Amino acid sequence: MYEHKKEALAPLPVFFGRILRNLVIAIIILFICLLIGILGYHYIAHIVWIDAIHNASMILSGMGPVADVKNFSGKIFSSAYALFSGVAFITNIGFLLAPAVHRFLHRLHIDENDD
């Protein structure tokens, strides 16, 4: 059948480097998602810049909208952005936790093979 090559756990500096890399990527992704919200609220929903920033930040963090959206296209954007933000937030959390979960599962696999 399939023979698995046993590998040791990555050294801690490599592991922390992976966590740092994923953190930087997650921050960039969140910034892009926030920028999409800011631009959408400003240009589609016709909300002033500071309120667009505030609304996009609150939606992206899961707190909910704070500014009233009055036009039809703004409401469509707001609905789509809320759904997009939920998926983006959950995906980013998974991406941040991936190195730690991988290390944990790898450690369990190594311990299982030692028995």
Protein backbone atom coordinates (compact mmCIF):
# COMPACT_ATOMS: atom_id res chain seq x y z
CA MET A 1 0.00 0.00 0.00
CA TYR A 2 1.12 3.59 0.50
CA GLU A 3 4.24 4.14 2.58
CA HIS A 4 4.39 7.54 4.24
CA LYS A 5 7.76 9.18 4.71
CA LYS A 6 8.05 10.33 8.32
CA GLU A 7 9.22 13.92 8.66
CA ALA A 8 10.16 15.78 11.82
CA LEU A 9 8.31 18.86 12.97
CA ALA A 10 9.60 22.10 11.52
CA PRO A 11 11.87 24.02 13.90
CA LEU A 12 10.17 26.79 15.89
CA PRO A 13 11.74 29.64 13.86
CA VAL A 14 10.30 28.11 10.66
CA PHE A 15 6.90 27.65 12.34
CA PHE A 16 6.85 31.25 13.59
CA GLY A 17 7.90 32.42 10.13
CA ARG A 18 4.90 30.62 8.66
CA ILE A 19 2.60 32.24 11.21
CA LEU A 20 4.07 35.68 10.44
CA ARG A 21 3.71 35.12 6.69
CA ASN A 22 0.07 34.10 7.07
CA LEU A 23 -0.57 37.08 9.36
CA VAL A 24 0.83 39.52 6.79
CA ILE A 25 -1.21 37.92 3.99
CA ALA A 26 -4.37 38.00 6.16
CA ILE A 27 -3.85 41.70 6.94
CA ILE A 28 -3.41 42.47 3.23
CA ILE A 29 -6.58 40.52 2.39
CA LEU A 30 -8.55 42.35 5.10
CA PHE A 31 -7.24 45.70 3.84
CA ILE A 32 -8.37 44.86 0.29
CA CYS A 33 -11.79 43.77 1.58
CA LEU A 34 -12.07 47.00 3.57
CA LEU A 35 -11.08 49.04 0.52
CA ILE A 36 -13.79 47.32 -1.56
CA GLY A 37 -16.35 48.28 1.10
CA ILE A 38 -15.16 51.86 1.41
CA LEU A 39 -15.20 52.46 -2.34
CA GLY A 40 -18.54 50.70 -2.75
CA TYR A 41 -20.25 52.63 0.02
CA HIS A 42 -18.86 55.91 -1.25
CA TYR A 43 -19.44 55.51 -4.99
CA ILE A 44 -22.44 53.16 -5.11
CA ALA A 45 -24.34 54.08 -1.93
CA HIS A 46 -23.28 57.76 -2.08
CA ILE A 47 -22.12 57.88 1.54
CA VAL A 48 -19.45 60.42 2.56
CA TRP A 49 -15.91 59.06 2.99
CA ILE A 50 -15.76 58.92 6.78
CA ASP A 51 -19.14 57.20 7.03
CA ALA A 52 -18.14 54.80 4.23
CA ILE A 53 -15.00 53.86 6.18
CA HIS A 54 -17.01 53.46 9.38
CA ASN A 55 -19.73 51.37 7.72
CA ALA A 56 -17.29 49.13 5.84
CA SER A 57 -15.26 48.56 9.01
CA MET A 58 -18.32 47.68 11.04
CA ILE A 59 -19.69 45.30 8.38
CA LEU A 60 -16.31 43.61 7.87
CA SER A 61 -15.88 43.07 11.62
CA GLY A 62 -19.35 41.58 11.93
CA MET A 63 -20.82 44.41 14.00
CA GLY A 64 -23.40 45.50 11.45
CA PRO A 65 -24.16 48.62 9.44
CA VAL A 66 -24.24 52.07 11.02
CA ALA A 67 -25.02 54.41 8.09
CA ASP A 68 -28.38 54.50 6.34
CA VAL A 69 -28.25 53.43 2.72
CA LYS A 70 -31.01 55.20 0.83
CA ASN A 71 -30.69 54.20 -2.85
CA PHE A 72 -31.53 50.87 -4.48
CA SER A 73 -28.04 50.13 -5.86
CA GLY A 74 -26.50 51.01 -2.49
CA LYS A 75 -28.77 48.50 -0.75
CA ILE A 76 -27.85 45.80 -3.26
CA PHE A 77 -24.14 46.57 -2.72
CA SER A 78 -24.59 46.63 1.06
CA SER A 79 -26.26 43.20 1.01
CA ALA A 80 -23.60 41.69 -1.23
CA TYR A 81 -20.79 43.26 0.81
CA ALA A 82 -22.25 41.89 4.04
CA LEU A 83 -22.32 38.34 2.62
CA PHE A 84 -18.85 38.77 1.12
CA SER A 85 -17.49 40.11 4.42
CA GLY A 86 -18.76 37.15 6.41
CA VAL A 87 -17.07 34.70 4.07
CA ALA A 88 -13.87 36.76 3.91
CA PHE A 89 -13.66 37.01 7.71
CA ILE A 90 -14.18 33.28 8.30
CA THR A 91 -11.71 32.40 5.54
CA ASN A 92 -9.09 34.72 7.02
CA ILE A 93 -9.47 33.14 10.46
CA GLY A 94 -8.93 29.71 8.91
CA PHE A 95 -5.90 30.99 7.03
CA LEU A 96 -4.43 32.43 10.25
CA LEU A 97 -4.98 29.20 12.18
CA ALA A 98 -3.72 26.89 9.41
CA PRO A 99 -0.03 26.72 10.49
CA ALA A 100 -0.93 25.96 14.13
CA VAL A 101 -3.53 23.32 13.19
CA HIS A 102 -1.11 21.75 10.71
CA ARG A 103 1.62 21.57 13.34
CA PHE A 104 -0.79 20.06 15.87
CA LEU A 105 -1.98 17.39 13.43
CA HIS A 106 1.59 16.68 12.32
CA ARG A 107 2.62 16.21 15.95
CA LEU A 108 -0.27 13.78 16.50
CA HIS A 109 0.76 11.86 13.39
CA ILE A 110 4.37 11.60 14.56
CA ASP A 111 3.27 10.43 18.04
CA GLU A 112 0.93 7.85 16.46
CA ASN A 113 3.73 6.42 14.32
CA ASP A 114 6.09 6.14 17.30
CA ASP A 115 3.79 3.68 19.07
